[in-house]
Amino acid sequence: MRQRQFAKRLGVSNGAVNFWESGLAWPSTENLEKLAALKGWSLDDLQHYLVKGEQPHLGSLEEVPLEQLLNRIRKLPLSEVVKVAAVCVETIAQRQEVMG
């Protein structure tokens, strides 16, 4: 993604993103939350990534409580939510076929 597109998605100027990348400024908490949401992460997940350089471990579906999984889906960008919805519809259709 280009810097201009990235800035637009966050609702900030290109200059702000340039300052962040150059280390001259640090994003506000609000912008960090927006950055995290672009990845479908929480602010804690983003902080973990920034400090340790490791992507957050989401665990297997059995380890992730349903409400936590739903909250992660709510934070995804629209394009990713559309993919999740498509998989849900496909899964429901397949299970209805099996059930008769």
PDB file of N, CA and C in Angstrom:
ATOM      1  N   MET A   1       0.847  -1.165   0.000  1.00  0.00           N
ATOM      2  CA  MET A   1       0.000   0.000   0.000  1.00  0.00           C
ATOM      3  C   MET A   1       0.903   1.241   0.000  1.00  0.00           C
ATOM      4  N   ARG A   2       0.540   2.186  -0.788  1.00  0.00           N
ATOM      5  CA  ARG A   2       1.305   3.429  -0.860  1.00  0.00           C
ATOM      6  C   ARG A   2       1.052   4.292   0.370  1.00  0.00           C
ATOM      7  N   GLN A   3       2.010   5.179   0.640  1.00  0.00           N
ATOM      8  CA  GLN A   3       1.905   6.055   1.801  1.00  0.00           C
ATOM      9  C   GLN A   3       0.639   6.910   1.736  1.00  0.00           C
ATOM     10  N   ARG A   4       0.318   7.403   0.549  1.00  0.00           N
ATOM     11  CA  ARG A   4      -0.873   8.241   0.379  1.00  0.00           C
ATOM     12  C   ARG A   4      -2.142   7.440   0.688  1.00  0.00           C
ATOM     13  N   GLN A   5      -2.219   6.213   0.177  1.00  0.00           N
ATOM     14  CA  GLN A   5      -3.390   5.365   0.427  1.00  0.00           C
ATOM     15  C   GLN A   5      -3.501   5.026   1.912  1.00  0.00           C
ATOM     16  N   PHE A   6      -2.347   4.718   2.492  1.00  0.00           N
ATOM     17  CA  PHE A   6      -2.299   4.381   3.908  1.00  0.00           C
ATOM     18  C   PHE A   6      -2.789   5.560   4.747  1.00  0.00           C
ATOM     19  N   ALA A   7      -2.291   6.758   4.441  1.00  0.00           N
ATOM     20  CA  ALA A   7      -2.694   7.961   5.169  1.00  0.00           C
ATOM     21  C   ALA A   7      -4.195   8.190   5.026  1.00  0.00           C
ATOM     22  N   LYS A   8      -4.707   8.000   3.830  1.00  0.00           N
ATOM     23  CA  LYS A   8      -6.139   8.205   3.586  1.00  0.00           C
ATOM     24  C   LYS A   8      -6.979   7.229   4.408  1.00  0.00           C
ATOM     25  N   ARG A   9      -6.555   5.964   4.469  1.00  0.00           N
ATOM     26  CA  ARG A   9      -7.304   4.963   5.248  1.00  0.00           C
ATOM     27  C   ARG A   9      -7.328   5.299   6.724  1.00  0.00           C
ATOM     28  N   LEU A  10      -6.235   5.926   7.197  1.00  0.00           N
ATOM     29  CA  LEU A  10      -6.180   6.309   8.607  1.00  0.00           C
ATOM     30  C   LEU A  10      -6.826   7.660   8.877  1.00  0.00           C
ATOM     31  N   GLY A  11      -7.038   8.436   7.809  1.00  0.00           N
ATOM     32  CA  GLY A  11      -7.612   9.761   7.981  1.00  0.00           C
ATOM     33  C   GLY A  11      -6.601  10.788   8.472  1.00  0.00           C
ATOM     34  N   VAL A  12      -5.337  10.617   8.055  1.00  0.00           N
ATOM     35  CA  VAL A  12      -4.272  11.552   8.426  1.00  0.00           C
ATOM     36  C   VAL A  12      -3.586  12.040   7.150  1.00  0.00           C
ATOM     37  N   SER A  13      -2.702  13.009   7.310  1.00  0.00           N
ATOM     38  CA  SER A  13      -1.977  13.538   6.153  1.00  0.00           C
ATOM     39  C   SER A  13      -0.791  12.654   5.798  1.00  0.00           C
ATOM     40  N   ASN A  14      -0.319  12.790   4.563  1.00  0.00           N
ATOM     41  CA  ASN A  14       0.895  12.081   4.143  1.00  0.00           C
ATOM     42  C   ASN A  14       2.068  12.495   5.020  1.00  0.00           C
ATOM     43  N   GLY A  15       2.099  13.779   5.389  1.00  0.00           N
ATOM     44  CA  GLY A  15       3.175  14.294   6.235  1.00  0.00           C
ATOM     45  C   GLY A  15       3.226  13.609   7.582  1.00  0.00           C
ATOM     46  N   ALA A  16       2.059  13.318   8.155  1.00  0.00           N
ATOM     47  CA  ALA A  16       2.016  12.630   9.455  1.00  0.00           C
ATOM     48  C   ALA A  16       2.643  11.245   9.333  1.00  0.00           C
ATOM     49  N   VAL A  17       2.273  10.526   8.289  1.00  0.00           N
ATOM     50  CA  VAL A  17       2.836   9.188   8.081  1.00  0.00           C
ATOM     51  C   VAL A  17       4.346   9.282   7.857  1.00  0.00           C
ATOM     52  N   ASN A  18       4.777  10.282   7.106  1.00  0.00           N
ATOM     53  CA  ASN A  18       6.197  10.486   6.856  1.00  0.00           C
ATOM     54  C   ASN A  18       6.945  10.744   8.168  1.00  0.00           C
ATOM     55  N   PHE A  19       6.373  11.563   9.049  1.00  0.00           N
ATOM     56  CA  PHE A  19       6.990  11.823  10.352  1.00  0.00           C
ATOM     57  C   PHE A  19       7.101  10.539  11.166  1.00  0.00           C
ATOM     58  N   TRP A  20       6.046   9.726  11.151  1.00  0.00           N
ATOM     59  CA  TRP A  20       6.077   8.472  11.904  1.00  0.00           C
ATOM     60  C   TRP A  20       7.185   7.571  11.383  1.00  0.00           C
ATOM     61  N   GLU A  21       7.248   7.451  10.056  1.00  0.00           N
ATOM     62  CA  GLU A  21       8.250   6.560   9.454  1.00  0.00           C
ATOM     63  C   GLU A  21       9.673   7.031   9.716  1.00  0.00           C
ATOM     64  N   SER A  22       9.863   8.338   9.790  1.00  0.00           N
ATOM     65  CA  SER A  22      11.203   8.882  10.002  1.00  0.00           C
ATOM     66  C   SER A  22      11.575   8.944  11.476  1.00  0.00           C
ATOM     67  N   GLY A  23      10.620   8.659  12.366  1.00  0.00           N
ATOM     68  CA  GLY A  23      10.890   8.695  13.795  1.00  0.00           C
ATOM     69  C   GLY A  23      10.817  10.093  14.394  1.00  0.00           C
ATOM     70  N   LEU A  24      10.348  11.074  13.612  1.00  0.00           N
ATOM     71  CA  LEU A  24      10.249  12.446  14.113  1.00  0.00           C
ATOM     72  C   LEU A  24       9.014  12.650  14.989  1.00  0.00           C
ATOM     73  N   ALA A  25       8.047  11.769  14.867  1.00  0.00           N
ATOM     74  CA  ALA A  25       6.817  11.856  15.659  1.00  0.00           C
ATOM     75  C   ALA A  25       6.297  10.442  15.878  1.00  0.00           C
ATOM     76  N   TRP A  26       5.408  10.299  16.819  1.00  0.00           N
ATOM     77  CA  TRP A  26       4.789   9.014  17.141  1.00  0.00           C
ATOM     78  C   TRP A  26       3.287   9.174  16.999  1.00  0.00           C
ATOM     79  N   PRO A  27       2.590   8.188  16.432  1.00  0.00           N
ATOM     80  CA  PRO A  27       1.132   8.308  16.283  1.00  0.00           C
ATOM     81  C   PRO A  27       0.439   8.443  17.644  1.00  0.00           C
ATOM     82  N   SER A  28      -0.658   9.165  17.655  1.00  0.00           N
ATOM     83  CA  SER A  28      -1.480   9.269  18.867  1.00  0.00           C
ATOM     84  C   SER A  28      -2.097   7.906  19.172  1.00  0.00           C
ATOM     85  N   THR A  29      -2.625   7.770  20.372  1.00  0.00           N
ATOM     86  CA  THR A  29      -3.291   6.516  20.744  1.00  0.00           C
ATOM     87  C   THR A  29      -4.440   6.222  19.782  1.00  0.00           C
ATOM     88  N   GLU A  30      -5.167   7.262  19.417  1.00  0.00           N
ATOM     89  CA  GLU A  30      -6.274   7.085  18.466  1.00  0.00           C
ATOM     90  C   GLU A  30      -5.770   6.519  17.136  1.00  0.00           C
ATOM     91  N   ASN A  31      -4.657   7.057  16.630  1.00  0.00           N
ATOM     92  CA  ASN A  31      -4.113   6.558  15.365  1.00  0.00           C
ATOM     93  C   ASN A  31      -3.502   5.178  15.519  1.00  0.00           C
ATOM     94  N   LEU A  32      -2.935   4.884  16.686  1.00  0.00           N
ATOM     95  CA  LEU A  32      -2.434   3.523  16.923  1.00  0.00           C
ATOM     96  C   LEU A  32      -3.587   2.529  16.919  1.00  0.00           C
ATOM     97  N   GLU A  33      -4.725   2.929  17.488  1.00  0.00           N
ATOM     98  CA  GLU A  33      -5.904   2.056  17.469  1.00  0.00           C
ATOM     99  C   GLU A  33      -6.384   1.825  16.039  1.00  0.00           C
ATOM    100  N   LYS A  34      -6.333   2.872  15.213  1.00  0.00           N
ATOM    101  CA  LYS A  34      -6.711   2.729  13.804  1.00  0.00           C
ATOM    102  C   LYS A  34      -5.739   1.803  13.072  1.00  0.00           C
ATOM    103  N   LEU A  35      -4.447   1.962  13.367  1.00  0.00           N
ATOM    104  CA  LEU A  35      -3.436   1.078  12.759  1.00  0.00           C
ATOM    105  C   LEU A  35      -3.703  -0.374  13.132  1.00  0.00           C
ATOM    106  N   ALA A  36      -3.978  -0.605  14.406  1.00  0.00           N
ATOM    107  CA  ALA A  36      -4.268  -1.964  14.874  1.00  0.00           C
ATOM    108  C   ALA A  36      -5.501  -2.519  14.168  1.00  0.00           C
ATOM    109  N   ALA A  37      -6.536  -1.706  14.060  1.00  0.00           N
ATOM    110  CA  ALA A  37      -7.776  -2.155  13.431  1.00  0.00           C
ATOM    111  C   ALA A  37      -7.569  -2.537  11.969  1.00  0.00           C
ATOM    112  N   LEU A  38      -6.658  -1.844  11.275  1.00  0.00           N
ATOM    113  CA  LEU A  38      -6.372  -2.197   9.883  1.00  0.00           C
ATOM    114  C   LEU A  38      -5.860  -3.629   9.760  1.00  0.00           C
ATOM    115  N   LYS A  39      -5.212  -4.108  10.804  1.00  0.00           N
ATOM    116  CA  LYS A  39      -4.693  -5.480  10.809  1.00  0.00           C
ATOM    117  C   LYS A  39      -5.653  -6.451  11.500  1.00  0.00           C
ATOM    118  N   GLY A  40      -6.755  -5.932  12.056  1.00  0.00           N
ATOM    119  CA  GLY A  40      -7.669  -6.788  12.807  1.00  0.00           C
ATOM    120  C   GLY A  40      -7.123  -7.124  14.176  1.00  0.00           C
ATOM    121  N   TRP A  41      -6.233  -6.264  14.679  1.00  0.00           N
ATOM    122  CA  TRP A  41      -5.597  -6.477  15.989  1.00  0.00           C
ATOM    123  C   TRP A  41      -6.177  -5.526  17.016  1.00  0.00           C
ATOM    124  N   SER A  42      -5.930  -5.852  18.274  1.00  0.00           N
ATOM    125  CA  SER A  42      -6.223  -4.920  19.361  1.00  0.00           C
ATOM    126  C   SER A  42      -5.013  -4.003  19.531  1.00  0.00           C
ATOM    127  N   LEU A  43      -5.166  -2.965  20.334  1.00  0.00           N
ATOM    128  CA  LEU A  43      -4.038  -2.080  20.621  1.00  0.00           C
ATOM    129  C   LEU A  43      -2.933  -2.863  21.331  1.00  0.00           C
ATOM    130  N   ASP A  44      -3.317  -3.770  22.218  1.00  0.00           N
ATOM    131  CA  ASP A  44      -2.321  -4.624  22.896  1.00  0.00           C
ATOM    132  C   ASP A  44      -1.555  -5.484  21.897  1.00  0.00           C
ATOM    133  N   ASP A  45      -2.253  -6.020  20.902  1.00  0.00           N
ATOM    134  CA  ASP A  45      -1.596  -6.826  19.870  1.00  0.00           C
ATOM    135  C   ASP A  45      -0.565  -5.987  19.119  1.00  0.00           C
ATOM    136  N   LEU A  46      -0.939  -4.753  18.770  1.00  0.00           N
ATOM    137  CA  LEU A  46      -0.032  -3.870  18.044  1.00  0.00           C
ATOM    138  C   LEU A  46       1.191  -3.538  18.901  1.00  0.00           C
ATOM    139  N   GLN A  47       0.964  -3.259  20.175  1.00  0.00           N
ATOM    140  CA  GLN A  47       2.082  -2.958  21.072  1.00  0.00           C
ATOM    141  C   GLN A  47       3.025  -4.151  21.172  1.00  0.00           C
ATOM    142  N   HIS A  48       2.474  -5.335  21.266  1.00  0.00           N
ATOM    143  CA  HIS A  48       3.290  -6.558  21.306  1.00  0.00           C
ATOM    144  C   HIS A  48       4.153  -6.652  20.040  1.00  0.00           C
ATOM    145  N   TYR A  49       3.536  -6.388  18.912  1.00  0.00           N
ATOM    146  CA  TYR A  49       4.260  -6.436  17.639  1.00  0.00           C
ATOM    147  C   TYR A  49       5.367  -5.378  17.598  1.00  0.00           C
ATOM    148  N   LEU A  50       5.068  -4.163  18.031  1.00  0.00           N
ATOM    149  CA  LEU A  50       6.055  -3.091  17.995  1.00  0.00           C
ATOM    150  C   LEU A  50       7.215  -3.342  18.951  1.00  0.00           C
ATOM    151  N   VAL A  51       6.937  -3.930  20.104  1.00  0.00           N
ATOM    152  CA  VAL A  51       7.990  -4.173  21.103  1.00  0.00           C
ATOM    153  C   VAL A  51       8.796  -5.420  20.771  1.00  0.00           C
ATOM    154  N   LYS A  52       8.118  -6.505  20.439  1.00  0.00           N
ATOM    155  CA  LYS A  52       8.804  -7.783  20.241  1.00  0.00           C
ATOM    156  C   LYS A  52       9.061  -8.138  18.787  1.00  0.00           C
ATOM    157  N   GLY A  53       8.408  -7.433  17.873  1.00  0.00           N
ATOM    158  CA  GLY A  53       8.591  -7.728  16.455  1.00  0.00           C
ATOM    159  C   GLY A  53       7.909  -9.009  16.016  1.00  0.00           C
ATOM    160  N   GLU A  54       7.007  -9.508  16.846  1.00  0.00           N
ATOM    161  CA  GLU A  54       6.297 -10.754  16.546  1.00  0.00           C
ATOM    162  C   GLU A  54       4.821 -10.454  16.332  1.00  0.00           C
ATOM    163  N   GLN A  55       4.256 -11.091  15.324  1.00  0.00           N
ATOM    164  CA  GLN A  55       2.825 -10.943  15.122  1.00  0.00           C
ATOM    165  C   GLN A  55       2.104 -11.622  16.278  1.00  0.00           C
ATOM    166  N   PRO A  56       0.977 -11.063  16.691  1.00  0.00           N
ATOM    167  CA  PRO A  56       0.255 -11.655  17.821  1.00  0.00           C
ATOM    168  C   PRO A  56      -0.218 -13.063  17.503  1.00  0.00           C
ATOM    169  N   HIS A  57      -0.153 -13.915  18.498  1.00  0.00           N
ATOM    170  CA  HIS A  57      -0.631 -15.290  18.358  1.00  0.00           C
ATOM    171  C   HIS A  57      -2.125 -15.302  18.616  1.00  0.00           C
ATOM    172  N   LEU A  58      -2.874 -15.691  17.619  1.00  0.00           N
ATOM    173  CA  LEU A  58      -4.325 -15.710  17.762  1.00  0.00           C
ATOM    174  C   LEU A  58      -4.835 -17.024  18.327  1.00  0.00           C
ATOM    175  N   GLY A  59      -3.995 -18.046  18.314  1.00  0.00           N
ATOM    176  CA  GLY A  59      -4.396 -19.339  18.852  1.00  0.00           C
ATOM    177  C   GLY A  59      -5.338 -20.076  17.930  1.00  0.00           C
ATOM    178  N   SER A  60      -5.567 -21.326  18.236  1.00  0.00           N
ATOM    179  CA  SER A  60      -6.522 -22.102  17.451  1.00  0.00           C
ATOM    180  C   SER A  60      -7.929 -21.661  17.837  1.00  0.00           C
ATOM    181  N   LEU A  61      -8.887 -22.005  17.016  1.00  0.00           N
ATOM    182  CA  LEU A  61     -10.263 -21.607  17.299  1.00  0.00           C
ATOM    183  C   LEU A  61     -10.752 -22.135  18.636  1.00  0.00           C
ATOM    184  N   GLU A  62     -10.239 -23.299  19.047  1.00  0.00           N
ATOM    185  CA  GLU A  62     -10.655 -23.864  20.324  1.00  0.00           C
ATOM    186  C   GLU A  62     -10.146 -23.018  21.487  1.00  0.00           C
ATOM    187  N   GLU A  63      -9.012 -22.307  21.288  1.00  0.00           N
ATOM    188  CA  GLU A  63      -8.421 -21.513  22.362  1.00  0.00           C
ATOM    189  C   GLU A  63      -9.010 -20.106  22.435  1.00  0.00           C
ATOM    190  N   VAL A  64      -9.642 -19.655  21.370  1.00  0.00           N
ATOM    191  CA  VAL A  64     -10.140 -18.281  21.314  1.00  0.00           C
ATOM    192  C   VAL A  64     -11.632 -18.289  21.638  1.00  0.00           C
ATOM    193  N   PRO A  65     -12.018 -17.603  22.729  1.00  0.00           N
ATOM    194  CA  PRO A  65     -13.447 -17.521  23.044  1.00  0.00           C
ATOM    195  C   PRO A  65     -14.202 -16.842  21.899  1.00  0.00           C
ATOM    196  N   LEU A  66     -15.435 -17.259  21.699  1.00  0.00           N
ATOM    197  CA  LEU A  66     -16.234 -16.753  20.589  1.00  0.00           C
ATOM    198  C   LEU A  66     -16.322 -15.230  20.603  1.00  0.00           C
ATOM    199  N   GLU A  67     -16.563 -14.634  21.757  1.00  0.00           N
ATOM    200  CA  GLU A  67     -16.702 -13.174  21.816  1.00  0.00           C
ATOM    201  C   GLU A  67     -15.411 -12.481  21.394  1.00  0.00           C
ATOM    202  N   GLN A  68     -14.272 -13.054  21.756  1.00  0.00           N
ATOM    203  CA  GLN A  68     -12.989 -12.478  21.354  1.00  0.00           C
ATOM    204  C   GLN A  68     -12.829 -12.584  19.831  1.00  0.00           C
ATOM    205  N   LEU A  69     -13.198 -13.708  19.270  1.00  0.00           N
ATOM    206  CA  LEU A  69     -13.132 -13.893  17.818  1.00  0.00           C
ATOM    207  C   LEU A  69     -14.054 -12.891  17.107  1.00  0.00           C
ATOM    208  N   LEU A  70     -15.257 -12.716  17.618  1.00  0.00           N
ATOM    209  CA  LEU A  70     -16.188 -11.751  17.025  1.00  0.00           C
ATOM    210  C   LEU A  70     -15.646 -10.327  17.124  1.00  0.00           C
ATOM    211  N   ASN A  71     -15.028  -9.989  18.232  1.00  0.00           N
ATOM    212  CA  ASN A  71     -14.439  -8.649  18.380  1.00  0.00           C
ATOM    213  C   ASN A  71     -13.324  -8.433  17.366  1.00  0.00           C
ATOM    214  N   ARG A  72     -12.537  -9.454  17.100  1.00  0.00           N
ATOM    215  CA  ARG A  72     -11.476  -9.334  16.094  1.00  0.00           C
ATOM    216  C   ARG A  72     -12.084  -9.115  14.709  1.00  0.00           C
ATOM    217  N   ILE A  73     -13.152  -9.817  14.416  1.00  0.00           N
ATOM    218  CA  ILE A  73     -13.816  -9.655  13.126  1.00  0.00           C
ATOM    219  C   ILE A  73     -14.369  -8.240  13.002  1.00  0.00           C
ATOM    220  N   ARG A  74     -14.941  -7.703  14.081  1.00  0.00           N
ATOM    221  CA  ARG A  74     -15.487  -6.342  14.054  1.00  0.00           C
ATOM    222  C   ARG A  74     -14.418  -5.297  13.757  1.00  0.00           C
ATOM    223  N   LYS A  75     -13.171  -5.577  14.078  1.00  0.00           N
ATOM    224  CA  LYS A  75     -12.083  -4.617  13.886  1.00  0.00           C
ATOM    225  C   LYS A  75     -11.436  -4.726  12.509  1.00  0.00           C
ATOM    226  N   LEU A  76     -11.796  -5.737  11.746  1.00  0.00           N
ATOM    227  CA  LEU A  76     -11.194  -5.914  10.430  1.00  0.00           C
ATOM    228  C   LEU A  76     -11.666  -4.843   9.454  1.00  0.00           C
ATOM    229  N   PRO A  77     -10.837  -4.544   8.457  1.00  0.00           N
ATOM    230  CA  PRO A  77     -11.293  -3.649   7.384  1.00  0.00           C
ATOM    231  C   PRO A  77     -12.466  -4.294   6.643  1.00  0.00           C
ATOM    232  N   LEU A  78     -13.298  -3.474   6.034  1.00  0.00           N
ATOM    233  CA  LEU A  78     -14.500  -3.962   5.354  1.00  0.00           C
ATOM    234  C   LEU A  78     -14.188  -5.062   4.347  1.00  0.00           C
ATOM    235  N   SER A  79     -13.113  -4.908   3.577  1.00  0.00           N
ATOM    236  CA  SER A  79     -12.785  -5.915   2.559  1.00  0.00           C
ATOM    237  C   SER A  79     -12.552  -7.292   3.188  1.00  0.00           C
ATOM    238  N   GLU A  80     -11.975  -7.307   4.394  1.00  0.00           N
ATOM    239  CA  GLU A  80     -11.734  -8.575   5.079  1.00  0.00           C
ATOM    240  C   GLU A  80     -13.028  -9.129   5.688  1.00  0.00           C
ATOM    241  N   VAL A  81     -13.909  -8.243   6.164  1.00  0.00           N
ATOM    242  CA  VAL A  81     -15.191  -8.680   6.714  1.00  0.00           C
ATOM    243  C   VAL A  81     -16.022  -9.342   5.617  1.00  0.00           C
ATOM    244  N   VAL A  82     -15.948  -8.812   4.413  1.00  0.00           N
ATOM    245  CA  VAL A  82     -16.666  -9.403   3.276  1.00  0.00           C
ATOM    246  C   VAL A  82     -16.183 -10.834   3.047  1.00  0.00           C
ATOM    247  N   LYS A  83     -14.879 -11.067   3.147  1.00  0.00           N
ATOM    248  CA  LYS A  83     -14.337 -12.423   2.979  1.00  0.00           C
ATOM    249  C   LYS A  83     -14.848 -13.347   4.083  1.00  0.00           C
ATOM    250  N   VAL A  84     -14.881 -12.850   5.322  1.00  0.00           N
ATOM    251  CA  VAL A  84     -15.385 -13.654   6.442  1.00  0.00           C
ATOM    252  C   VAL A  84     -16.851 -13.995   6.206  1.00  0.00           C
ATOM    253  N   ALA A  85     -17.634 -13.016   5.771  1.00  0.00           N
ATOM    254  CA  ALA A  85     -19.060 -13.250   5.518  1.00  0.00           C
ATOM    255  C   ALA A  85     -19.254 -14.289   4.425  1.00  0.00           C
ATOM    256  N   ALA A  86     -18.439 -14.228   3.375  1.00  0.00           N
ATOM    257  CA  ALA A  86     -18.549 -15.197   2.284  1.00  0.00           C
ATOM    258  C   ALA A  86     -18.267 -16.609   2.786  1.00  0.00           C
ATOM    259  N   VAL A  87     -17.264 -16.752   3.631  1.00  0.00           N
ATOM    260  CA  VAL A  87     -16.948 -18.068   4.188  1.00  0.00           C
ATOM    261  C   VAL A  87     -18.097 -18.549   5.070  1.00  0.00           C
ATOM    262  N   CYS A  88     -18.702 -17.655   5.836  1.00  0.00           N
ATOM    263  CA  CYS A  88     -19.831 -18.026   6.687  1.00  0.00           C
ATOM    264  C   CYS A  88     -21.007 -18.534   5.855  1.00  0.00           C
ATOM    265  N   VAL A  89     -21.338 -17.810   4.807  1.00  0.00           N
ATOM    266  CA  VAL A  89     -22.453 -18.216   3.935  1.00  0.00           C
ATOM    267  C   VAL A  89     -22.151 -19.564   3.284  1.00  0.00           C
ATOM    268  N   GLU A  90     -20.929 -19.728   2.816  1.00  0.00           N
ATOM    269  CA  GLU A  90     -20.522 -20.990   2.192  1.00  0.00           C
ATOM    270  C   GLU A  90     -20.610 -22.151   3.183  1.00  0.00           C
ATOM    271  N   THR A  91     -20.162 -21.920   4.400  1.00  0.00           N
ATOM    272  CA  THR A  91     -20.193 -22.967   5.428  1.00  0.00           C
ATOM    273  C   THR A  91     -21.626 -23.347   5.777  1.00  0.00           C
ATOM    274  N   ILE A  92     -22.503 -22.354   5.905  1.00  0.00           N
ATOM    275  CA  ILE A  92     -23.910 -22.636   6.203  1.00  0.00           C
ATOM    276  C   ILE A  92     -24.534 -23.456   5.081  1.00  0.00           C
ATOM    277  N   ALA A  93     -24.265 -23.093   3.833  1.00  0.00           N
ATOM    278  CA  ALA A  93     -24.817 -23.824   2.690  1.00  0.00           C
ATOM    279  C   ALA A  93     -24.339 -25.271   2.685  1.00  0.00           C
ATOM    280  N   GLN A  94     -23.059 -25.481   2.957  1.00  0.00           N
ATOM    281  CA  GLN A  94     -22.508 -26.835   2.973  1.00  0.00           C
ATOM    282  C   GLN A  94     -23.135 -27.667   4.073  1.00  0.00           C
ATOM    283  N   ARG A  95     -23.325 -27.076   5.251  1.00  0.00           N
ATOM    284  CA  ARG A  95     -23.896 -27.823   6.364  1.00  0.00           C
ATOM    285  C   ARG A  95     -25.368 -28.132   6.139  1.00  0.00           C
ATOM    286  N   GLN A  96     -26.075 -27.237   5.446  1.00  0.00           N
ATOM    287  CA  GLN A  96     -27.477 -27.507   5.135  1.00  0.00           C
ATOM    288  C   GLN A  96     -27.588 -28.676   4.161  1.00  0.00           C
ATOM    289  N   GLU A  97     -26.643 -28.757   3.216  1.00  0.00           N
ATOM    290  CA  GLU A  97     -26.637 -29.888   2.265  1.00  0.00           C
ATOM    291  C   GLU A  97     -26.419 -31.197   3.005  1.00  0.00           C
ATOM    292  N   VAL A  98     -25.518 -31.218   3.963  1.00  0.00           N
ATOM    293  CA  VAL A  98     -25.203 -32.421   4.712  1.00  0.00           C
ATOM    294  C   VAL A  98     -26.409 -32.842   5.553  1.00  0.00           C
ATOM    295  N   MET A  99     -27.093 -31.863   6.127  1.00  0.00           N
ATOM    296  CA  MET A  99     -28.235 -32.169   7.016  1.00  0.00           C
ATOM    297  C   MET A  99     -29.468 -32.580   6.225  1.00  0.00           C
ATOM    298  N   GLY A 100     -29.439 -32.342   4.923  1.00  0.00           N
ATOM    299  CA  GLY A 100     -30.523 -32.802   4.085  1.00  0.00           C
ATOM    300  C   GLY A 100     -31.526 -31.790   3.836  1.00  0.00           C
TER     301      GLY A 100
END
